[in-house]
Amino acid sequence: MLGLVTTKHGRLESKDDLKRRIETAARYLPADQLCLSPQGGFSSTVEEKALSRDQQMAKPALIVETALEVWGDI
């Protein structure tokens, strides 16, 4: 599992950057054994800055969109 999408801030990662990192990981494991995920939960600690609801919804959507582009519809 590749925890490449941070839940620590609301800025979205670039799909191209995520795809490059997946390609790098695929040098060590077959791509069909990999998956994309957030690095952790959205409420890891009370002290962290809260993400807006829209930001929280955008992160999983980015993961799904990127995964579909990399691995296709399963």
C-alpha atoms as a PDB file:
ATOM      1  CA  MET A   1       0.000   0.000   0.000  1.00  0.00           C
ATOM      2  CA  LEU A   2       1.414   3.337  -1.060  1.00  0.00           C
ATOM      3  CA  GLY A   3       0.336   6.099   1.327  1.00  0.00           C
ATOM      4  CA  LEU A   4       1.132   8.883  -1.122  1.00  0.00           C
ATOM      5  CA  VAL A   5      -1.775  11.248  -0.451  1.00  0.00           C
ATOM      6  CA  THR A   6      -1.344  13.300   2.687  1.00  0.00           C
ATOM      7  CA  THR A   7      -4.140  14.073   5.092  1.00  0.00           C
ATOM      8  CA  LYS A   8      -2.051  16.721   6.851  1.00  0.00           C
ATOM      9  CA  HIS A   9      -2.968  19.573   4.496  1.00  0.00           C
ATOM     10  CA  GLY A  10      -5.675  20.301   1.969  1.00  0.00           C
ATOM     11  CA  ARG A  11      -3.493  20.903  -1.085  1.00  0.00           C
ATOM     12  CA  LEU A  12      -4.062  18.135  -3.626  1.00  0.00           C
ATOM     13  CA  GLU A  13      -1.143  16.152  -4.889  1.00  0.00           C
ATOM     14  CA  SER A  14      -0.484  16.137  -8.618  1.00  0.00           C
ATOM     15  CA  LYS A  15      -1.807  13.054 -10.422  1.00  0.00           C
ATOM     16  CA  ASP A  16       1.366  13.031 -12.499  1.00  0.00           C
ATOM     17  CA  ASP A  17       3.515  12.983  -9.348  1.00  0.00           C
ATOM     18  CA  LEU A  18       1.436  10.151  -7.891  1.00  0.00           C
ATOM     19  CA  LYS A  19       1.759   8.164 -11.110  1.00  0.00           C
ATOM     20  CA  ARG A  20       5.535   8.658 -11.178  1.00  0.00           C
ATOM     21  CA  ARG A  21       5.795   7.437  -7.596  1.00  0.00           C
ATOM     22  CA  ILE A  22       3.659   4.403  -8.414  1.00  0.00           C
ATOM     23  CA  GLU A  23       5.919   3.665 -11.391  1.00  0.00           C
ATOM     24  CA  THR A  24       8.951   3.901  -9.099  1.00  0.00           C
ATOM     25  CA  ALA A  25       7.389   1.467  -6.623  1.00  0.00           C
ATOM     26  CA  ALA A  26       6.545  -0.889  -9.504  1.00  0.00           C
ATOM     27  CA  ARG A  27      10.280  -1.355 -10.054  1.00  0.00           C
ATOM     28  CA  TYR A  28      10.320  -3.306  -6.776  1.00  0.00           C
ATOM     29  CA  LEU A  29       6.920  -5.019  -6.797  1.00  0.00           C
ATOM     30  CA  PRO A  30       4.562  -5.875  -9.634  1.00  0.00           C
ATOM     31  CA  ALA A  31       2.088  -3.032 -10.182  1.00  0.00           C
ATOM     32  CA  ASP A  32      -0.856  -5.392  -9.626  1.00  0.00           C
ATOM     33  CA  GLN A  33       0.388  -5.917  -6.055  1.00  0.00           C
ATOM     34  CA  LEU A  34       0.337  -2.184  -5.302  1.00  0.00           C
ATOM     35  CA  CYS A  35      -2.465   0.107  -4.263  1.00  0.00           C
ATOM     36  CA  LEU A  36      -2.798   3.816  -3.571  1.00  0.00           C
ATOM     37  CA  SER A  37      -4.042   5.194  -0.268  1.00  0.00           C
ATOM     38  CA  PRO A  38      -3.928   8.228   2.009  1.00  0.00           C
ATOM     39  CA  GLN A  39      -0.978   8.315   4.380  1.00  0.00           C
ATOM     40  CA  GLY A  40      -3.286   8.189   7.381  1.00  0.00           C
ATOM     41  CA  GLY A  41      -6.630   9.314   8.720  1.00  0.00           C
ATOM     42  CA  PHE A  42      -8.115  12.771   8.514  1.00  0.00           C
ATOM     43  CA  SER A  43      -8.175  13.228  12.285  1.00  0.00           C
ATOM     44  CA  SER A  44      -4.865  11.757  13.434  1.00  0.00           C
ATOM     45  CA  THR A  45      -4.407  14.289  16.223  1.00  0.00           C
ATOM     46  CA  VAL A  46      -6.354  17.174  17.673  1.00  0.00           C
ATOM     47  CA  GLU A  47      -3.438  19.573  17.193  1.00  0.00           C
ATOM     48  CA  GLU A  48      -3.321  19.260  13.415  1.00  0.00           C
ATOM     49  CA  LYS A  49      -5.040  21.752  11.159  1.00  0.00           C
ATOM     50  CA  ALA A  50      -8.466  20.583  10.135  1.00  0.00           C
ATOM     51  CA  LEU A  51      -9.225  20.112   6.468  1.00  0.00           C
ATOM     52  CA  SER A  52     -12.472  21.467   5.123  1.00  0.00           C
ATOM     53  CA  ARG A  53     -15.151  19.002   4.117  1.00  0.00           C
ATOM     54  CA  ASP A  54     -14.448  19.766   0.445  1.00  0.00           C
ATOM     55  CA  GLN A  55     -10.742  19.072   0.947  1.00  0.00           C
ATOM     56  CA  GLN A  56     -11.529  15.821   2.757  1.00  0.00           C
ATOM     57  CA  MET A  57     -13.789  14.724  -0.110  1.00  0.00           C
ATOM     58  CA  ALA A  58     -11.246  15.721  -2.776  1.00  0.00           C
ATOM     59  CA  LYS A  59      -8.462  13.520  -1.373  1.00  0.00           C
ATOM     60  CA  PRO A  60     -10.265  10.148  -1.777  1.00  0.00           C
ATOM     61  CA  ALA A  61     -11.625  11.299  -5.149  1.00  0.00           C
ATOM     62  CA  LEU A  62      -8.039  11.961  -6.273  1.00  0.00           C
ATOM     63  CA  ILE A  63      -7.035   8.477  -5.123  1.00  0.00           C
ATOM     64  CA  VAL A  64      -9.890   6.836  -7.044  1.00  0.00           C
ATOM     65  CA  GLU A  65      -9.273   8.874 -10.216  1.00  0.00           C
ATOM     66  CA  THR A  66      -5.547   8.137 -10.151  1.00  0.00           C
ATOM     67  CA  ALA A  67      -6.064   4.444  -9.425  1.00  0.00           C
ATOM     68  CA  LEU A  68      -8.506   4.109 -12.313  1.00  0.00           C
ATOM     69  CA  GLU A  69      -6.007   5.752 -14.653  1.00  0.00           C
ATOM     70  CA  VAL A  70      -3.155   3.510 -13.451  1.00  0.00           C
ATOM     71  CA  TRP A  71      -4.898   0.170 -12.964  1.00  0.00           C
ATOM     72  CA  GLY A  72      -8.161   0.603 -14.861  1.00  0.00           C
ATOM     73  CA  ASP A  73     -11.634  -0.419 -13.788  1.00  0.00           C
ATOM     74  CA  ILE A  74     -11.532  -3.627 -11.809  1.00  0.00           C
END
